[in-house]
Amino acid sequence: MSISWGYSPKIEKFIPLAEFPADQYLIIAKQAIENLGWSLSHISETGLIAYTPISFQSYSEEISIRIHGNFAVVKSECVGIQMLFNDYGKNDLNLEKFFHEFEYVEFHLKDVWEESLSKFHQFIATQDDLYFEKAPLATKNKIKNVLFLFFPQKGYTVTPILVLVNIFYYIALVFFSIVYLRYQFVRNGSSYDPDFIEALKKIALNFGVNQRNLVLGGEYWRLISYQFIHGSKSHLFFNMYALVYLGLMIENKLGWKKYLFIYLMSGICGGLVSLIFHQEGVMMGASGAIMGLYGAFLALLITKTFEPKATKALLVSTLIVSLLVLINGAFGKRVDNSAHIGGFVSGFIFTYLLNYKWDKTFEVKTWARYAVSVLLFLMFFSGVLHFSPKYGTEEYRKLRDTFNGNMGSLNGIMNLKISLPKDVKLASIKEDGIIPTERNLVVIKQMQALTLRPEDALERDEKIKLSKASHRAVMLMYRDIKADSTYRYSRQTSTALAQVFEILYKPD
């Protein structure tokens, strides 16, 4: 069994017809396909298309026979995305079955050629011989090699441009990161610069990653730019692999304008959903927009854009891949599944609005379809901005670290020796107690000015109690020692200190 590898695994056999009539070859092929239980999708004067059954081993392959001059080109090609870029031998097995059945049918039809030919010619007279240019894999068949995937052509215009923009954006990001890295080594030699990682994050931010506070602060352009930023070569490769597949399958069905509209709008909607569920960190990648194209593909399939026999095979493969992506997003680390779901749902809705014909007697103008789509988008966009508060999570964490650092200074005064001179004890309490706690009172005021997530707001409330209690305790300690250097703390001071320890060691 021969395994076929590649972007779109397939096996082709060129069969010389010699003196064998093309119509007889197609009659035998048609009967062989029916005997094998494959679904015949189309047959006309120049060839036929069929689909293998769906099973656990396969979500269908397209079997096509095209008559070119004195040759019959027999091909088996995988319909959907194939994991690990191979067909696991399915195409070779399909052709083996076909040729074996072909010989059997040819032998049994030899006595009824005239009747079969008459019925065949009557049937194909009613068929559209141009269907081969509209078939689901028609655009894929025009791709002669990998380089063709990067050049715009009829029915495949926007996709290669999007792929190239993503690649160039990634190269630019890597280039600027390398330049910065070399600059750091020249400036610091071999020593480590603790600000290096932060500087790289700033480079990514400047390139336009999606970040909640920046978008909510008015940098809406990030909802588009983040779609073209990828964090690694594998991240870029697998996204572009899916994008090319979807472009080959549906761009010619939608037209480049609708296709580009759905791609960008799905990416934006995915980014907005991501903002709802991610209060911190950055989001990047084309997967939200690509999942929008999967949603678009699904909408095209259920609205009967494709031929019925092809629809079943395409629907299964599309659902399988979509579910795999969502399951991986649910359990994978650093995967933004919220953007996937947001993109998928929005892509489905936009495609349905732009493409579906509700009533044959009433045609909805294209501009009206776009207007409704944009209106729905603006409503969703406004809703997300209105109901998504701008949390000061990162600023709060910096203030919290400052607060905890100040609290750490109190360790030096909790066990002051009685034997120490009075002025030493007073200086220690002032330096390690009063000044840090007064600083924390200022920090608390800064914290109170921030809008925080519920869990951070609860933590801030505890910090407020702790700051007041600790400041009161050290002031009482200072008063007691200043009044009497032989007696450490009054009962009031001891109670205040106990309150501080109670807050510090409060069980979760």
Protein backbone atom coordinates (compact mmCIF):
# COMPACT_ATOMS: atom_id res chain seq x y z
CA MET A 1 0.00 0.00 0.00
CA SER A 2 1.45 3.34 -1.11
CA ILE A 3 1.11 6.33 1.21
CA SER A 4 0.64 9.72 -0.44
CA TRP A 5 2.15 12.76 1.27
CA GLY A 6 1.65 16.47 0.83
CA TYR A 7 -0.58 19.44 1.49
CA SER A 8 -3.53 17.77 -0.26
CA PRO A 9 -2.69 14.05 -0.50
CA LYS A 10 -3.82 12.43 -3.74
CA ILE A 11 -2.90 9.77 -6.27
CA GLU A 12 -3.41 10.15 -10.01
CA LYS A 13 -3.19 7.50 -12.71
CA PHE A 14 -3.00 8.36 -16.40
CA ILE A 15 -4.72 5.60 -18.35
CA PRO A 16 -4.09 5.56 -22.13
CA LEU A 17 -7.37 4.91 -23.95
CA ALA A 18 -5.81 4.08 -27.33
CA GLU A 19 -8.75 2.78 -29.40
CA PHE A 20 -11.02 2.46 -26.38
CA PRO A 21 -13.98 4.93 -26.74
CA ALA A 22 -14.15 7.54 -23.97
CA ASP A 23 -17.91 7.13 -23.51
CA GLN A 24 -17.53 3.39 -22.97
CA TYR A 25 -14.77 4.01 -20.43
CA LEU A 26 -17.07 6.35 -18.47
CA ILE A 27 -19.98 3.89 -18.61
CA ILE A 28 -17.79 1.16 -17.11
CA ALA A 29 -16.37 3.57 -14.53
CA LYS A 30 -19.87 4.70 -13.51
CA GLN A 31 -21.03 1.12 -12.99
CA ALA A 32 -17.83 0.23 -11.09
CA ILE A 33 -18.34 3.19 -8.74
CA GLU A 34 -21.96 2.19 -8.10
CA ASN A 35 -20.90 -1.41 -7.41
CA LEU A 36 -18.37 -0.17 -4.86
CA GLY A 37 -21.05 1.79 -3.03
CA TRP A 38 -19.48 5.17 -3.72
CA SER A 39 -21.75 8.20 -4.15
CA LEU A 40 -21.80 9.43 -7.75
CA SER A 41 -21.95 13.23 -7.65
CA HIS A 42 -21.62 14.17 -11.34
CA ILE A 43 -21.15 12.62 -14.73
CA SER A 44 -20.94 14.30 -18.11
CA GLU A 45 -19.26 13.86 -21.45
CA THR A 46 -15.75 14.63 -20.16
CA GLY A 47 -15.72 12.81 -16.84
CA LEU A 48 -17.29 12.04 -13.51
CA ILE A 49 -16.93 12.78 -9.78
CA ALA A 50 -17.84 10.50 -6.87
CA TYR A 51 -17.22 10.33 -3.12
CA THR A 52 -16.24 7.36 -0.98
CA PRO A 53 -18.33 6.48 2.10
CA ILE A 54 -17.58 8.08 5.45
CA SER A 55 -16.08 5.72 8.05
CA PHE A 56 -13.80 5.73 11.08
CA GLN A 57 -10.83 5.42 8.73
CA SER A 58 -11.93 8.14 6.34
CA TYR A 59 -14.12 11.20 6.10
CA SER A 60 -14.36 10.66 2.36
CA GLU A 61 -12.13 11.04 -0.65
CA GLU A 62 -13.11 12.51 -3.99
CA ILE A 63 -12.81 10.09 -6.91
CA SER A 64 -12.64 11.85 -10.26
CA ILE A 65 -12.14 10.68 -13.84
CA ARG A 66 -11.39 13.28 -16.49
CA ILE A 67 -11.06 12.58 -20.19
CA HIS A 68 -8.13 14.50 -21.66
CA GLY A 69 -7.57 13.67 -25.33
CA ASN A 70 -6.59 10.04 -25.53
CA PHE A 71 -6.11 9.63 -21.76
CA ALA A 72 -8.36 9.07 -18.76
CA VAL A 73 -6.98 10.72 -15.62
CA VAL A 74 -8.21 8.73 -12.62
CA LYS A 75 -7.64 10.43 -9.28
CA SER A 76 -8.40 9.84 -5.60
CA GLU A 77 -7.93 12.91 -3.40
CA CYS A 78 -8.55 13.59 0.29
CA VAL A 79 -11.39 16.03 0.84
CA GLY A 80 -10.57 17.55 4.24
CA ILE A 81 -7.43 18.44 6.18
CA GLN A 82 -5.28 15.37 6.81
CA MET A 83 -3.34 15.16 10.05
CA LEU A 84 0.41 14.50 9.61
CA PHE A 85 0.09 15.48 5.92
CA ASN A 86 -0.51 11.99 4.55
CA ASP A 87 -3.46 9.91 3.40
CA TYR A 88 -2.57 6.76 5.38
CA GLY A 89 -2.78 4.80 2.11
CA LYS A 90 -6.48 5.51 1.55
CA ASN A 91 -6.09 6.93 -1.98
CA ASP A 92 -3.97 4.04 -3.22
CA LEU A 93 -6.49 1.56 -1.81
CA ASN A 94 -9.37 3.41 -3.50
CA LEU A 95 -7.73 3.20 -6.93
CA GLU A 96 -6.85 -0.45 -6.39
CA LYS A 97 -10.51 -1.22 -5.65
CA PHE A 98 -11.66 0.84 -8.62
CA PHE A 99 -9.43 -0.81 -11.22
CA HIS A 100 -10.28 -4.27 -9.92
CA GLU A 101 -14.00 -3.53 -10.16
CA PHE A 102 -13.49 -1.86 -13.55
CA GLU A 103 -12.19 -5.12 -15.03
CA TYR A 104 -15.13 -7.04 -13.60
CA VAL A 105 -17.71 -4.57 -15.01
CA GLU A 106 -16.00 -4.38 -18.41
CA PHE A 107 -16.31 -8.14 -18.80
CA HIS A 108 -20.03 -8.22 -17.89
CA LEU A 109 -21.05 -5.21 -20.04
CA LYS A 110 -19.51 -6.42 -23.28
CA ASP A 111 -22.83 -7.88 -24.51
CA VAL A 112 -25.02 -4.81 -23.76
CA TRP A 113 -22.92 -1.92 -25.11
CA GLU A 114 -25.57 -0.52 -27.45
CA GLU A 115 -28.25 -0.23 -24.79
CA SER A 116 -25.80 1.23 -22.27
CA LEU A 117 -24.43 3.76 -24.77
CA SER A 118 -27.90 4.95 -25.73
CA LYS A 119 -28.94 5.54 -22.10
CA PHE A 120 -25.60 7.22 -21.33
CA HIS A 121 -25.83 9.74 -24.18
CA GLN A 122 -29.45 10.57 -23.31
CA PHE A 123 -28.42 11.25 -19.72
CA ILE A 124 -25.30 13.34 -20.33
CA ALA A 125 -27.18 15.56 -22.76
CA THR A 126 -28.93 17.02 -19.69
CA GLN A 127 -25.75 17.48 -17.61
CA ASP A 128 -23.57 20.57 -17.14
CA ASP A 129 -20.14 19.76 -18.50
CA LEU A 130 -18.77 22.92 -16.85
CA TYR A 131 -19.45 21.49 -13.38
CA PHE A 132 -15.79 20.46 -13.09
CA GLU A 133 -14.91 24.15 -12.79
CA LYS A 134 -17.34 24.51 -9.85
CA ALA A 135 -16.60 21.28 -8.00
CA PRO A 136 -15.45 21.56 -4.35
CA LEU A 137 -11.83 20.70 -5.14
CA ALA A 138 -11.70 22.64 -8.43
CA THR A 139 -9.51 25.44 -7.07
CA LYS A 140 -7.21 22.96 -5.29
CA ASN A 141 -6.68 21.17 -8.58
CA LYS A 142 -5.25 24.35 -10.09
CA ILE A 143 -2.41 24.35 -7.55
CA LYS A 144 0.45 22.67 -9.38
CA ASN A 145 3.01 22.93 -6.57
CA VAL A 146 3.56 24.61 -3.19
CA LEU A 147 4.73 27.90 -4.74
CA PHE A 148 1.33 28.33 -6.43
CA LEU A 149 -0.21 28.66 -2.96
CA PHE A 150 1.44 32.08 -2.60
CA PHE A 151 0.22 33.61 -5.87
CA PRO A 152 -3.25 35.14 -6.34
CA GLN A 153 -5.34 33.59 -9.10
CA LYS A 154 -8.99 33.32 -10.06
CA GLY A 155 -11.04 32.04 -7.13
CA TYR A 156 -8.00 32.27 -4.87
CA THR A 157 -7.14 35.96 -4.61
CA VAL A 158 -7.25 37.15 -1.01
CA THR A 159 -5.93 34.01 0.69
CA PRO A 160 -2.34 34.14 -0.67
CA ILE A 161 -2.17 37.85 0.18
CA LEU A 162 -3.25 37.13 3.76
CA VAL A 163 -0.70 34.33 3.99
CA LEU A 164 2.12 36.59 2.78
CA VAL A 165 1.13 39.42 5.14
CA ASN A 166 1.21 36.97 8.08
CA ILE A 167 4.63 35.66 7.02
CA PHE A 168 6.14 39.13 6.50
CA TYR A 169 4.70 40.33 9.83
CA TYR A 170 6.32 37.38 11.60
CA ILE A 171 9.67 37.99 9.88
CA ALA A 172 9.54 41.67 10.84
CA LEU A 173 8.80 40.81 14.50
CA VAL A 174 11.66 38.30 14.61
CA PHE A 175 14.01 40.75 12.88
CA PHE A 176 13.38 43.57 15.37
CA SER A 177 13.70 41.15 18.29
CA ILE A 178 17.09 39.93 16.99
CA VAL A 179 18.28 43.49 16.44
CA TYR A 180 17.32 44.37 19.99
CA LEU A 181 19.03 41.24 21.31
CA ARG A 182 22.29 42.11 19.52
CA TYR A 183 22.03 45.66 20.83
CA GLN A 184 21.75 44.31 24.39
CA PHE A 185 24.83 42.11 23.98
CA VAL A 186 26.85 45.02 22.58
CA ARG A 187 25.75 47.31 25.40
CA ASN A 188 25.99 44.87 28.30
CA GLY A 189 28.46 42.30 27.02
CA SER A 190 27.60 38.86 28.37
CA SER A 191 25.80 40.18 31.45
CA TYR A 192 22.08 39.55 31.76
CA ASP A 193 19.78 42.51 31.47
CA PRO A 194 16.73 41.99 33.73
CA ASP A 195 14.73 44.36 31.54
CA PHE A 196 15.32 42.25 28.40
CA ILE A 197 12.10 40.23 28.60
CA GLU A 198 10.08 43.36 29.30
CA ALA A 199 11.65 45.02 26.28
CA LEU A 200 10.67 42.07 24.06
CA LYS A 201 7.12 42.32 25.38
CA LYS A 202 7.12 46.00 24.45
CA ILE A 203 8.21 45.09 20.91
CA ALA A 204 5.25 42.70 20.63
CA LEU A 205 2.95 45.38 22.06
CA ASN A 206 4.19 47.90 19.52
CA PHE A 207 3.51 45.43 16.72
CA GLY A 208 -0.12 45.30 17.83
CA VAL A 209 -0.96 42.29 20.00
CA ASN A 210 -4.42 42.19 21.56
CA GLN A 211 -4.38 43.40 25.15
CA ARG A 212 -7.50 44.14 27.19
CA ASN A 213 -6.65 47.47 28.78
CA LEU A 214 -5.05 48.91 25.65
CA VAL A 215 -8.07 48.05 23.51
CA LEU A 216 -10.54 49.29 26.11
CA GLY A 217 -8.38 52.40 26.35
CA GLY A 218 -9.10 53.20 22.69
CA GLU A 219 -6.48 51.26 20.70
CA TYR A 220 -9.13 49.43 18.66
CA TRP A 221 -6.73 48.85 15.75
CA ARG A 222 -5.19 46.04 17.80
CA LEU A 223 -8.26 43.92 17.08
CA ILE A 224 -7.04 43.74 13.47
CA SER A 225 -3.26 43.82 13.91
CA TYR A 226 -3.20 40.97 16.45
CA GLN A 227 -4.54 38.64 13.75
CA PHE A 228 -1.23 38.88 11.87
CA ILE A 229 1.14 38.28 14.81
CA HIS A 230 2.39 34.80 15.69
CA GLY A 231 4.55 33.68 18.57
CA SER A 232 6.49 30.89 16.86
CA LYS A 233 7.17 29.21 13.53
CA SER A 234 4.86 26.30 14.36
CA HIS A 235 2.10 28.71 15.41
CA LEU A 236 2.41 30.48 12.07
CA PHE A 237 2.74 27.29 10.01
CA PHE A 238 -0.37 25.49 11.29
CA ASN A 239 -2.51 28.62 11.07
CA MET A 240 -1.41 29.25 7.48
CA TYR A 241 -1.93 25.58 6.61
CA ALA A 242 -5.57 25.81 7.72
CA LEU A 243 -6.01 29.22 6.04
CA VAL A 244 -4.79 27.91 2.67
CA TYR A 245 -7.10 24.90 2.86
CA LEU A 246 -10.12 27.06 3.67
CA GLY A 247 -9.20 29.61 1.03
CA LEU A 248 -9.02 26.93 -1.64
CA MET A 249 -12.38 25.53 -0.59
CA ILE A 250 -14.57 28.57 0.01
CA GLU A 251 -13.07 31.79 -1.38
CA ASN A 252 -14.35 30.94 -4.86
CA LYS A 253 -17.82 30.28 -3.40
CA LEU A 254 -18.02 33.51 -1.42
CA GLY A 255 -16.12 35.86 -3.70
CA TRP A 256 -13.07 37.74 -2.46
CA LYS A 257 -15.00 40.69 -0.97
CA LYS A 258 -17.27 38.59 1.26
CA TYR A 259 -14.37 36.30 2.10
CA LEU A 260 -12.14 39.16 3.29
CA PHE A 261 -15.02 40.77 5.18
CA ILE A 262 -15.80 37.53 7.03
CA TYR A 263 -12.12 36.86 7.77
CA LEU A 264 -11.41 40.25 9.32
CA MET A 265 -14.74 40.62 11.13
CA SER A 266 -14.49 37.11 12.60
CA GLY A 267 -10.98 37.91 13.82
CA ILE A 268 -12.22 41.13 15.44
CA CYS A 269 -15.17 39.38 17.10
CA GLY A 270 -12.86 36.62 18.32
CA GLY A 271 -10.58 39.28 19.77
CA LEU A 272 -13.52 40.94 21.53
CA VAL A 273 -14.66 37.66 23.08
CA SER A 274 -11.07 37.08 24.18
CA LEU A 275 -11.10 40.44 25.99
CA ILE A 276 -14.13 39.34 27.98
CA PHE A 277 -12.41 36.21 29.31
CA HIS A 278 -8.82 37.45 29.61
CA GLN A 279 -8.32 40.31 32.03
CA GLU A 280 -4.56 40.22 31.59
CA GLY A 281 -1.86 39.02 29.23
CA VAL A 282 -1.70 39.41 25.47
CA MET A 283 -3.44 37.54 22.65
CA MET A 284 -2.11 37.00 19.14
CA GLY A 285 -2.59 34.85 16.06
CA ALA A 286 -4.90 34.31 13.10
CA SER A 287 -6.78 31.39 14.65
CA GLY A 288 -9.85 33.47 15.57
CA ALA A 289 -10.23 34.64 11.97
CA ILE A 290 -9.50 31.13 10.65
CA MET A 291 -12.13 29.63 12.91
CA GLY A 292 -14.45 32.26 11.43
CA LEU A 293 -13.75 30.71 8.03
CA TYR A 294 -14.61 27.28 9.44
CA GLY A 295 -17.88 28.77 10.62
CA ALA A 296 -18.35 30.24 7.13
CA PHE A 297 -17.64 26.84 5.57
CA LEU A 298 -20.27 25.25 7.81
CA ALA A 299 -22.81 27.94 6.87
CA LEU A 300 -22.15 27.34 3.17
CA LEU A 301 -22.62 23.61 3.61
CA ILE A 302 -25.95 23.80 5.44
CA THR A 303 -27.29 26.38 2.97
CA LYS A 304 -26.65 23.93 0.09
CA THR A 305 -23.95 25.96 -1.65
CA PHE A 306 -22.17 22.73 -2.57
CA GLU A 307 -23.52 19.76 -4.51
CA PRO A 308 -25.47 17.43 -2.11
CA LYS A 309 -23.18 14.38 -2.42
CA ALA A 310 -20.13 16.54 -1.79
CA THR A 311 -21.81 18.36 1.10
CA LYS A 312 -21.96 15.27 3.31
CA ALA A 313 -18.25 14.57 2.97
CA LEU A 314 -17.26 18.20 3.43
CA LEU A 315 -19.61 18.67 6.39
CA VAL A 316 -18.13 15.75 8.30
CA SER A 317 -14.53 16.79 7.67
CA THR A 318 -15.27 20.41 8.63
CA LEU A 319 -17.01 19.44 11.87
CA ILE A 320 -14.22 17.01 12.80
CA VAL A 321 -11.45 19.57 12.33
CA SER A 322 -13.45 22.33 14.06
CA LEU A 323 -14.12 20.10 17.07
CA LEU A 324 -10.46 19.05 17.24
CA VAL A 325 -9.38 22.70 17.31
CA LEU A 326 -11.90 23.55 20.04
CA ILE A 327 -11.03 20.47 22.13
CA ASN A 328 -7.32 21.29 21.84
CA GLY A 329 -8.14 24.85 22.89
CA ALA A 330 -10.07 23.60 25.92
CA PHE A 331 -7.20 21.46 27.23
CA GLY A 332 -4.13 23.01 25.64
CA LYS A 333 -1.91 25.52 27.39
CA ARG A 334 -1.61 29.06 26.09
CA VAL A 335 -4.47 28.49 23.62
CA ASP A 336 -7.10 31.21 23.34
CA ASN A 337 -10.24 29.11 22.96
CA SER A 338 -12.49 32.12 23.59
CA ALA A 339 -11.17 33.70 20.39
CA HIS A 340 -11.74 30.40 18.55
CA ILE A 341 -15.37 30.19 19.66
CA GLY A 342 -16.03 33.89 19.05
CA GLY A 343 -14.53 33.68 15.57
CA PHE A 344 -16.38 30.48 14.66
CA VAL A 345 -19.81 31.75 15.72
CA SER A 346 -19.38 35.17 14.12
CA GLY A 347 -18.08 33.64 10.87
CA PHE A 348 -21.13 31.41 10.70
CA ILE A 349 -23.53 34.31 11.34
CA PHE A 350 -21.89 36.71 8.86
CA THR A 351 -21.84 34.07 6.12
CA TYR A 352 -25.45 33.17 6.73
CA LEU A 353 -26.48 36.83 6.52
CA LEU A 354 -24.41 37.51 3.40
CA ASN A 355 -25.15 34.33 1.47
CA TYR A 356 -28.47 32.77 2.41
CA LYS A 357 -31.47 33.18 0.10
CA TRP A 358 -34.54 33.31 2.31
CA ASP A 359 -37.14 33.51 -0.46
CA LYS A 360 -36.72 32.94 -4.19
CA THR A 361 -39.36 35.59 -4.89
CA PHE A 362 -37.66 38.22 -2.76
CA GLU A 363 -34.04 39.11 -3.27
CA VAL A 364 -32.16 40.96 -0.52
CA LYS A 365 -29.72 43.50 -1.92
CA THR A 366 -26.04 42.91 -1.20
CA TRP A 367 -25.63 46.33 0.42
CA ALA A 368 -28.52 45.54 2.79
CA ARG A 369 -26.84 42.26 3.82
CA TYR A 370 -23.61 44.09 4.57
CA ALA A 371 -25.51 46.80 6.44
CA VAL A 372 -27.23 44.27 8.72
CA SER A 373 -23.93 42.47 9.32
CA VAL A 374 -22.13 45.69 10.23
CA LEU A 375 -25.02 46.78 12.47
CA LEU A 376 -24.90 43.50 14.40
CA PHE A 377 -21.13 43.83 14.71
CA LEU A 378 -21.37 47.40 16.02
CA MET A 379 -23.96 46.32 18.60
CA PHE A 380 -21.68 43.54 19.80
CA PHE A 381 -18.61 45.80 19.75
CA SER A 382 -20.39 48.51 21.75
CA GLY A 383 -21.75 45.96 24.22
CA VAL A 384 -18.32 44.51 24.93
CA LEU A 385 -16.77 47.96 25.41
CA HIS A 386 -19.63 49.12 27.64
CA PHE A 387 -19.85 46.07 29.91
CA SER A 388 -16.12 45.27 30.10
CA PRO A 389 -14.44 47.39 32.78
CA LYS A 390 -10.82 48.39 32.33
CA TYR A 391 -9.12 46.51 35.15
CA GLY A 392 -5.91 47.89 36.60
CA THR A 393 -4.52 44.38 37.20
CA GLU A 394 -0.91 45.01 36.25
CA GLU A 395 -0.70 48.33 38.11
CA TYR A 396 -2.33 46.72 41.14
CA ARG A 397 0.26 43.95 41.18
CA LYS A 398 3.10 46.45 41.17
CA LEU A 399 1.48 48.33 44.06
CA ARG A 400 0.88 45.04 45.89
CA ASP A 401 4.56 44.13 45.58
CA THR A 402 5.52 47.56 46.93
CA PHE A 403 3.05 47.10 49.80
CA ASN A 404 4.42 43.66 50.70
CA GLY A 405 7.98 44.99 50.55
CA ASN A 406 7.10 47.70 53.03
CA MET A 407 5.42 45.16 55.30
CA GLY A 408 8.60 43.08 55.25
CA SER A 409 10.42 45.92 56.99
CA LEU A 410 8.37 45.28 60.14
CA ASN A 411 10.24 42.05 60.83
CA GLY A 412 13.16 44.06 62.19
CA ILE A 413 11.14 45.67 64.99
CA MET A 414 8.95 42.77 66.15
CA ASN A 415 11.68 41.34 68.39
CA LEU A 416 13.53 44.37 69.68
CA LYS A 417 15.77 43.50 72.62
CA ILE A 418 14.86 45.18 75.89
CA SER A 419 18.53 45.76 76.57
CA LEU A 420 18.91 48.10 73.59
CA PRO A 421 19.18 51.81 74.34
CA LYS A 422 15.94 53.73 74.14
CA ASP A 423 17.09 55.97 71.28
CA VAL A 424 18.16 52.92 69.23
CA LYS A 425 14.75 51.29 69.69
CA LEU A 426 12.94 54.49 68.74
CA ALA A 427 15.09 54.96 65.63
CA SER A 428 14.46 51.35 64.59
CA ILE A 429 10.69 51.66 65.02
CA LYS A 430 10.65 54.87 63.05
CA GLU A 431 12.87 53.58 60.23
CA ASP A 432 11.45 50.05 59.92
CA GLY A 433 7.92 50.65 61.13
CA ILE A 434 6.46 54.14 60.93
CA ILE A 435 7.97 55.21 57.59
CA PRO A 436 7.07 51.93 55.71
CA THR A 437 3.51 51.87 57.11
CA GLU A 438 2.99 55.51 56.18
CA ARG A 439 4.18 54.65 52.67
CA ASN A 440 1.62 51.84 52.61
CA LEU A 441 -1.15 54.27 53.47
CA VAL A 442 -0.20 56.16 50.31
CA VAL A 443 -0.06 52.90 48.32
CA ILE A 444 -3.54 51.99 49.55
CA LYS A 445 -4.94 55.28 48.26
CA GLN A 446 -3.45 54.48 44.86
CA MET A 447 -4.99 50.98 44.98
CA GLN A 448 -8.41 52.41 45.81
CA ALA A 449 -8.35 54.48 42.64
CA LEU A 450 -8.14 51.31 40.50
CA THR A 451 -10.98 49.20 39.07
CA LEU A 452 -10.11 45.63 39.96
CA ARG A 453 -11.30 42.11 39.33
CA PRO A 454 -13.46 40.72 42.18
CA GLU A 455 -10.65 38.52 43.53
CA ASP A 456 -8.17 41.42 43.47
CA ALA A 457 -10.73 43.73 45.09
CA LEU A 458 -11.11 41.28 48.01
CA GLU A 459 -7.34 41.14 48.42
CA ARG A 460 -7.19 44.94 48.33
CA ASP A 461 -9.75 45.13 51.17
CA GLU A 462 -7.48 42.96 53.30
CA LYS A 463 -4.53 45.21 52.46
CA ILE A 464 -6.53 48.26 53.59
CA LYS A 465 -7.25 46.63 56.97
CA LEU A 466 -3.65 45.54 57.32
CA SER A 467 -2.24 48.97 56.46
CA LYS A 468 -4.37 50.73 59.08
CA ALA A 469 -3.77 48.10 61.75
CA SER A 470 0.00 47.97 61.19
CA HIS A 471 0.35 51.76 61.21
CA ARG A 472 -1.63 52.01 64.45
CA ALA A 473 0.47 49.23 66.04
CA VAL A 474 3.87 50.80 65.27
CA MET A 475 2.68 54.22 66.43
CA LEU A 476 1.61 52.70 69.77
CA MET A 477 4.94 50.87 70.04
CA TYR A 478 6.78 54.14 69.50
CA ARG A 479 4.65 55.87 72.14
CA ASP A 480 5.21 53.11 74.73
CA ILE A 481 8.97 52.96 74.32
CA LYS A 482 9.30 56.71 74.26
CA ALA A 483 7.36 56.94 77.55
CA ASP A 484 9.19 54.13 79.33
CA SER A 485 12.30 52.34 78.05
CA THR A 486 12.02 49.49 80.60
CA TYR A 487 8.42 48.46 79.80
CA ARG A 488 8.01 47.39 76.14
CA TYR A 489 4.33 47.50 75.29
CA SER A 490 1.05 48.46 76.89
CA ARG A 491 -2.04 46.24 76.70
CA GLN A 492 -3.40 48.55 73.97
CA THR A 493 -0.23 48.03 71.91
CA SER A 494 -0.32 44.26 72.40
CA THR A 495 -3.93 44.17 71.21
CA ALA A 496 -3.00 46.20 68.13
CA LEU A 497 -0.12 43.84 67.32
CA ALA A 498 -2.39 40.81 67.77
CA GLN A 499 -4.81 42.35 65.26
CA VAL A 500 -1.98 42.70 62.73
CA PHE A 501 -0.98 39.04 63.18
CA GLU A 502 -4.62 37.97 62.89
CA ILE A 503 -4.93 39.70 59.50
CA LEU A 504 -1.56 38.42 58.27
CA TYR A 505 -2.20 34.81 59.18
CA LYS A 506 -5.92 34.67 58.52
CA PRO A 507 -6.79 31.19 57.10
CA ASP A 508 -7.91 31.13 53.45
